[in-house]
Protein backbone atom coordinates (compact mmCIF):
# COMPACT_ATOMS: atom_id res chain seq x y z
CA MET A 1 -6.81 6.22 15.88
CA GLU A 2 -8.82 3.63 14.27
CA THR A 3 -10.31 1.24 16.99
CA GLU A 4 -8.77 -2.41 17.05
CA ILE A 5 -9.81 -5.77 17.97
CA VAL A 6 -7.73 -9.24 17.84
CA LEU A 7 -9.89 -12.35 17.28
CA VAL A 8 -8.83 -15.69 18.75
CA PRO A 9 -10.80 -18.43 17.83
CA THR A 10 -9.52 -21.59 19.82
CA TYR A 11 -10.73 -25.06 20.35
CA ARG A 12 -9.50 -27.88 22.99
CA ARG A 13 -5.57 -26.24 22.71
CA PRO A 14 -5.55 -24.45 26.23
CA GLU A 15 -1.82 -24.29 26.65
CA MET A 16 -1.43 -22.90 22.95
CA LEU A 17 -3.89 -20.25 23.50
CA PHE A 18 -2.02 -19.27 26.68
CA TYR A 19 0.52 -18.93 24.71
CA CYS A 20 -0.50 -17.30 21.87
CA LEU A 21 -2.08 -14.49 24.25
CA SER A 22 1.03 -14.00 25.98
CA LEU A 23 2.80 -13.04 22.81
CA ILE A 24 0.18 -10.99 21.91
CA HIS A 25 0.10 -9.00 25.10
CA HIS A 26 3.84 -8.60 25.13
CA ALA A 27 3.71 -7.26 21.48
CA ASP A 28 1.05 -4.62 22.61
CA PRO A 29 -0.23 -4.81 26.26
CA HIS A 30 -3.05 -2.45 25.27
CA ILE A 31 -4.85 -3.86 22.39
CA GLU A 32 -8.06 -5.79 22.85
CA ILE A 33 -8.35 -9.35 22.89
CA ALA A 34 -11.78 -10.92 22.08
CA VAL A 35 -10.91 -15.21 22.50
CA PHE A 36 -13.75 -17.62 20.93
CA PRO A 37 -13.95 -20.95 22.47
CA ASP A 38 -15.62 -23.13 19.96
CA ARG A 39 -18.15 -26.10 20.40
CA GLY A 40 -19.89 -25.52 23.86
CA THR A 41 -16.11 -25.62 25.54
CA PHE A 42 -17.43 -23.20 28.60
CA HIS A 43 -15.88 -25.00 31.69
CA ASP A 44 -12.36 -25.08 30.80
CA LYS A 45 -10.50 -24.02 34.02
CA GLU A 46 -7.35 -23.21 31.62
CA LEU A 47 -9.11 -21.11 29.82
CA ASP A 48 -10.36 -18.87 32.59
CA ASP A 49 -6.66 -18.37 33.35
CA SER A 50 -5.96 -17.17 30.49
CA ALA A 51 -8.73 -14.87 30.69
CA ASP A 52 -7.54 -13.71 34.00
CA ALA A 53 -3.98 -13.17 33.17
CA PHE A 54 -4.24 -11.69 29.75
CA ASP A 55 -7.50 -9.39 30.15
CA ALA A 56 -9.43 -10.86 27.48
CA GLN A 57 -12.81 -11.20 27.00
CA PHE A 58 -14.26 -14.65 25.88
CA ILE A 59 -17.11 -14.95 24.07
CA TYR A 60 -18.34 -18.80 23.86
CA VAL A 61 -19.48 -20.22 20.92
CA GLY A 62 -22.32 -22.96 21.91
CA ASP A 63 -21.87 -26.42 20.55
CA HIS A 64 -23.10 -26.95 17.04
CA HIS A 65 -22.58 -29.64 14.39
CA TYR A 66 -20.89 -27.75 11.38
CA HIS A 67 -17.90 -28.79 9.72
CA GLY A 68 -14.11 -27.21 11.14
CA ASN A 69 -13.52 -24.00 12.34
CA THR A 70 -15.67 -21.92 9.77
CA TYR A 71 -18.90 -21.33 11.98
CA ASN A 72 -16.61 -20.42 14.96
CA VAL A 73 -14.39 -17.81 12.77
CA MET A 74 -17.32 -16.33 10.85
CA GLU A 75 -19.17 -15.59 13.99
CA ALA A 76 -16.04 -14.08 15.46
CA PHE A 77 -16.06 -11.85 12.25
CA ARG A 78 -19.60 -10.74 12.43
CA TRP A 79 -19.60 -9.95 16.23
CA ALA A 80 -16.28 -7.60 15.66
CA TYR A 81 -18.25 -5.85 12.71
CA ASN A 82 -21.41 -5.36 14.71
CA GLN A 83 -19.19 -4.11 17.69
CA GLY A 84 -17.91 -1.09 15.29
CA TYR A 85 -14.20 -2.09 15.13
CA GLN A 86 -12.19 -0.28 12.70
CA ARG A 87 -9.33 -2.81 11.99
CA ILE A 88 -9.83 -6.62 13.05
CA TYR A 89 -7.13 -9.12 13.20
CA LEU A 90 -7.44 -13.00 13.34
CA VAL A 91 -5.03 -14.84 15.13
CA GLU A 92 -5.75 -18.32 15.69
CA ASP A 93 -4.44 -20.31 19.07
CA ASP A 94 -1.65 -21.68 17.23
CA VAL A 95 -0.12 -18.49 15.85
CA MET A 96 2.49 -16.96 17.93
CA VAL A 97 3.02 -13.51 16.74
CA HIS A 98 6.13 -11.92 16.57
CA TRP A 99 7.05 -8.61 18.35
CA ASP A 100 6.81 -5.99 15.33
CA PHE A 101 3.52 -8.06 13.75
CA PHE A 102 1.17 -5.43 14.65
CA LYS A 103 3.27 -2.93 13.78
CA TRP A 104 3.62 -4.12 10.35
CA HIS A 105 0.25 -4.82 9.90
CA ARG A 106 -0.58 -1.11 10.62
CA GLU A 107 2.15 0.16 8.67
CA VAL A 108 0.66 -1.81 5.41
CA HIS A 109 -2.65 -0.44 5.99
CA GLU A 110 -1.71 3.25 6.37
CA ASP A 111 0.66 2.61 2.94
CA CYS A 112 -1.65 0.58 1.11
CA PRO A 113 -5.34 1.73 2.17
CA LYS A 114 -7.28 -0.23 -0.52
CA ILE A 115 -5.81 -3.52 -0.28
CA PHE A 116 -8.18 -6.34 0.58
CA ALA A 117 -6.23 -7.72 3.63
CA SER A 118 -2.50 -7.94 5.02
CA MET A 119 -1.23 -11.48 5.87
CA GLY A 120 1.44 -11.70 8.56
CA TRP A 121 2.30 -15.47 7.82
CA VAL A 122 4.35 -17.15 4.97
CA PHE A 123 2.78 -17.04 1.83
CA ASN A 124 5.45 -17.77 -0.95
CA ARG A 125 8.08 -20.32 0.18
CA GLU A 126 10.10 -19.63 -3.26
CA ALA A 127 10.29 -15.83 -2.85
CA PRO A 128 13.23 -14.32 -1.31
CA ILE A 129 14.12 -13.88 2.51
CA THR A 130 13.13 -9.93 2.44
CA ALA A 131 11.34 -7.50 4.32
CA ASP A 132 10.05 -6.21 1.37
CA CYS A 133 6.25 -6.41 0.92
CA LEU A 134 4.69 -9.13 -1.35
CA PHE A 135 1.47 -8.60 -3.19
CA GLN A 136 -0.85 -11.37 -4.56
CA PRO A 137 -4.53 -12.17 -5.49
CA TRP A 138 -4.46 -14.84 -2.45
CA TYR A 139 -5.58 -15.31 0.60
CA TYR A 140 -4.22 -17.38 3.55
CA SER A 141 -6.08 -17.14 7.25
CA ILE A 142 -3.23 -17.08 9.30
CA GLY A 143 -2.13 -13.61 11.17
CA THR A 144 -4.40 -11.58 9.13
CA CYS A 145 -5.83 -8.22 9.41
CA PHE A 146 -8.97 -6.83 7.95
CA LYS A 147 -10.28 -3.11 7.70
CA ARG A 148 -13.71 -2.85 8.57
CA GLU A 149 -15.30 -2.01 5.08
CA LYS A 150 -13.37 -5.23 3.52
CA LEU A 151 -14.83 -7.48 6.58
CA GLU A 152 -18.34 -6.34 5.68
CA LEU A 153 -18.05 -7.81 2.32
CA ILE A 154 -17.18 -11.26 4.35
CA VAL A 155 -19.66 -11.12 7.13
CA LYS A 156 -23.08 -11.02 4.89
CA HIS A 157 -22.10 -14.25 4.38
CA ALA A 158 -22.33 -15.55 7.74
CA SER A 159 -25.56 -17.24 7.73
CA PRO A 160 -26.89 -21.17 8.49
CA LEU A 161 -27.46 -20.88 4.64
CA TYR A 162 -23.51 -21.33 4.52
CA TYR A 163 -22.63 -23.14 7.33
CA GLU A 164 -25.03 -26.12 6.84
CA ASP A 165 -23.97 -26.68 3.54
CA MET A 166 -20.40 -24.67 2.69
CA ALA A 167 -19.84 -26.38 -0.68
CA SER A 168 -23.40 -26.19 -1.98
CA TYR A 169 -23.72 -22.56 -1.00
CA ILE A 170 -20.05 -21.62 -2.64
CA GLY A 171 -21.50 -23.47 -5.60
CA ARG A 172 -24.49 -21.05 -6.02
CA ASN A 173 -23.06 -17.58 -5.00
CA PHE A 174 -19.78 -18.16 -6.73
CA LYS A 175 -20.90 -19.77 -9.72
CA ARG A 176 -17.89 -18.55 -11.96
CA SER A 177 -15.03 -19.01 -9.27
CA ALA A 178 -11.54 -19.95 -11.04
CA ILE A 179 -10.93 -22.06 -8.01
CA HIS A 180 -14.20 -24.64 -8.57
CA ASP A 181 -12.57 -28.03 -9.09
CA PRO A 182 -14.46 -29.38 -12.80
CA ASP A 183 -16.54 -32.23 -10.74
CA ASN A 184 -17.23 -30.26 -7.37
CA VAL A 185 -16.58 -27.28 -5.15
CA VAL A 186 -13.47 -27.38 -2.90
CA HIS A 187 -11.37 -25.30 -0.69
CA TYR A 188 -15.26 -24.14 0.65
CA GLU A 189 -14.17 -23.46 4.43
CA GLN A 190 -14.13 -19.64 5.44
CA ASP A 191 -10.70 -19.12 3.89
CA GLY A 192 -11.69 -20.71 0.90
CA LEU A 193 -14.95 -18.25 1.04
CA ILE A 194 -12.78 -15.28 1.48
CA GLN A 195 -10.59 -16.34 -1.46
CA ARG A 196 -13.80 -16.34 -3.44
CA ILE A 197 -14.83 -12.78 -2.15
CA LEU A 198 -11.37 -11.54 -2.73
CA ASP A 199 -11.44 -12.74 -6.34
CA GLU A 200 -14.71 -10.70 -6.58
CA ASP A 201 -13.16 -7.93 -5.18
CA LYS A 202 -10.44 -7.41 -7.72
CA THR A 203 -8.47 -6.39 -4.73
CA GLN A 204 -5.01 -8.00 -3.60
CA THR A 205 -3.70 -9.04 -0.13
CA VAL A 206 0.17 -8.32 1.18
CA ALA A 207 2.41 -10.30 3.21
CA CYS A 208 6.03 -10.02 3.73
CA GLY A 209 9.22 -11.88 2.61
CA MET A 210 9.71 -12.68 6.30
CA ALA A 211 6.92 -13.81 8.43
CA LYS A 212 5.40 -11.60 11.38
CA CYS A 213 4.43 -14.59 13.07
CA THR A 214 5.18 -18.38 13.56
CA HIS A 215 2.44 -20.95 12.99
CA LEU A 216 2.67 -24.11 15.27
CA GLY A 217 -0.18 -26.11 13.58
CA THR A 218 0.99 -29.55 14.50
CA TYR A 219 -2.93 -30.70 16.15
CA GLY A 220 -6.08 -29.61 15.53
CA TYR A 221 -8.99 -29.73 13.57
CA ASN A 222 -7.45 -31.19 10.17
CA GLN A 223 -4.24 -32.06 11.57
CA GLY A 224 -5.78 -35.06 14.35
CA TRP A 225 -6.00 -34.57 17.51
CA GLU A 226 -4.11 -37.95 18.50
CA LYS A 227 -0.83 -35.90 17.71
CA ARG A 228 -1.46 -33.70 20.61
CA ASP A 229 -0.34 -36.27 23.07
CA ALA A 230 2.56 -37.16 21.13
CA PHE A 231 3.79 -33.47 21.14
CA PHE A 232 3.33 -33.22 24.87
CA GLU A 233 4.36 -36.75 25.80
CA GLY A 234 5.78 -36.74 29.23
CA CYS A 235 3.93 -32.95 29.95
CA GLY A 236 1.52 -33.24 32.45
CA ASN A 237 0.21 -29.89 33.72
CA LEU A 238 -0.01 -26.28 32.45
CA PRO A 239 3.49 -25.26 32.99
CA ASP A 240 5.20 -28.41 31.76
CA ARG A 241 3.02 -28.06 28.38
CA LEU A 242 4.09 -24.18 28.11
CA GLN A 243 7.50 -25.11 28.59
CA ARG A 244 7.48 -27.34 25.61
CA ILE A 245 6.05 -24.65 23.27
CA SER A 246 8.31 -22.93 24.42
CA ASP A 247 11.21 -25.21 23.23
CA PHE A 248 9.71 -25.94 20.48
CA LEU A 249 9.16 -22.61 19.24
CA SER A 250 12.70 -21.57 20.06
CA ASP A 251 14.25 -24.54 17.97
CA PRO A 252 14.03 -23.78 14.03
CA TYR A 253 15.42 -26.97 13.26
CA ALA A 254 12.97 -29.06 15.39
CA ARG A 255 10.30 -27.05 13.16
CA ALA A 256 11.86 -27.51 10.10
CA GLU A 257 11.71 -31.40 10.29
CA ILE A 258 7.81 -31.14 10.81
CA PHE A 259 7.31 -28.02 8.81
CA GLY A 260 10.13 -27.59 5.96
CA ARG A 261 13.31 -25.64 6.01
CA ALA A 262 11.81 -23.19 3.47
CA LEU A 263 8.77 -21.90 5.41
CA VAL A 264 10.97 -22.05 8.96
CA GLU A 265 13.51 -19.97 7.07
CA ARG A 266 10.96 -17.27 6.28
CA GLU A 267 9.41 -17.29 9.65
CA ILE A 268 12.93 -16.56 11.51
CA GLY A 269 13.79 -14.13 8.69
CA LYS A 270 17.25 -15.80 7.67
CA ALA A 271 18.89 -18.74 6.18
CA LEU A 272 18.87 -22.06 8.24
CA PRO A 273 22.96 -23.31 8.68
CA LYS A 274 22.68 -27.02 7.41
CA ARG A 275 22.70 -29.33 10.49
CA GLU A 276 23.71 -33.20 9.94
CA PHE A 277 23.17 -36.26 12.29
CA ARG A 278 25.82 -38.87 11.60
CA TYR A 279 24.35 -42.25 12.83
CA GLN A 280 26.17 -45.65 12.65
CA LEU A 281 23.70 -48.73 12.16
CA LYS A 282 24.64 -52.30 13.23
CA VAL A 283 22.10 -55.05 12.34
CA GLY A 284 24.23 -58.72 13.20
CA GLU A 285 27.36 -58.41 10.55
CA PHE A 286 25.90 -55.62 8.67
CA GLU A 287 27.34 -52.12 9.73
CA ALA A 288 26.79 -48.66 8.00
CA GLU A 289 26.95 -45.25 8.50
CA TYR A 290 23.84 -43.05 7.81
CA VAL A 291 23.84 -39.07 7.60
CA THR A 292 21.03 -37.19 7.99
CA GLU A 293 19.74 -33.73 8.88
CA THR A 294 16.57 -35.66 11.05
CA SER A 295 16.94 -35.87 14.79
CA PHE A 296 17.25 -39.31 16.26
CA LYS A 297 13.33 -39.24 17.41
CA ASN A 298 12.24 -38.69 13.99
CA LEU A 299 14.23 -40.63 11.77
CA PRO A 300 11.96 -42.81 9.38
CA LYS A 301 11.07 -46.45 9.77
CA ARG A 302 13.54 -47.63 6.76
CA LEU A 303 17.03 -46.57 6.93
CA LEU A 304 19.62 -47.55 3.97
CA SER A 305 16.54 -49.87 3.03
CA VAL A 306 16.81 -51.81 6.36
CA PRO A 307 13.63 -51.83 8.34
CA ARG A 308 14.14 -50.05 11.95
CA THR A 309 13.47 -53.12 14.25
CA PRO A 310 14.28 -53.93 17.83
CA GLU A 311 17.60 -55.79 16.65
CA MET A 312 18.93 -52.52 14.72
CA GLN A 313 21.45 -50.60 17.14
CA ILE A 314 21.69 -47.02 16.29
CA VAL A 315 24.58 -44.77 17.83
CA VAL A 316 24.91 -41.59 17.31
CA SER A 317 28.55 -40.80 16.35
CA SER A 318 28.48 -37.00 15.64
CA THR A 319 26.26 -33.94 15.12
CA GLY A 320 27.03 -30.90 13.74
CA ILE A 321 26.50 -27.75 11.92
């Protein structure tokens, strides 16, 4: 049996990490887990709680000035390669694996041994909702799995030469990349680097028409940390925040309002029945009915071209599916 490791990069999301690890442990209680907290986050008690609860090893990445999470992810890859693992999973802390996540990845690599990587999340939001595999020459860095020989192509780029100036490094080393912007290099973080390596390898990735994990990327490196306070409004301790994550994860309608119906339908593996809210709007003598799929807390700033002000009375007259 091939040796396996799950790499879990994390930064400033201890509650997401705890929930993520709990689902990994539920899907495979015996798989090895290595957590990589980024940027000198050494002394977070909630991180220690996660390590104790799920028997995960923590490999702390020191503070650094590099952009985004690329350094953390690439150093995790380099560590796993040097440790000799043969099958390597990347599951960031806001990725919640489904019960068949590891089973699916293993079957794909057994059936398609020459693929570049398997991807557990939604690749094509227009594809049918199907259990069939989808092949494509593109890489998404969410819930992925590599075999050792493909990871070798990636880790040779894990160096300060890349981290210090990612755009220039990619410009020099992948001059013929088809995804270069005409004026400058774009898409240069770790997933952009891996995409260019995939292009040169002339292989394909495999995804599924029904996702094997759910992505809760509501806040973080590229989403804005102020959104964390809004997401956990009214939640104090870790159990409260874990319950908030659980409620959000179990409510596909709430996720669809943020991430879009097409994505969520492929995460849950079925079409999401339409749900409408009917509101009664009153501003002075003006009165109208407003029908939408949007819940009250996510209503826009203007309704029927009228700004939402304290003078506007909004009454939920009915809800239904």
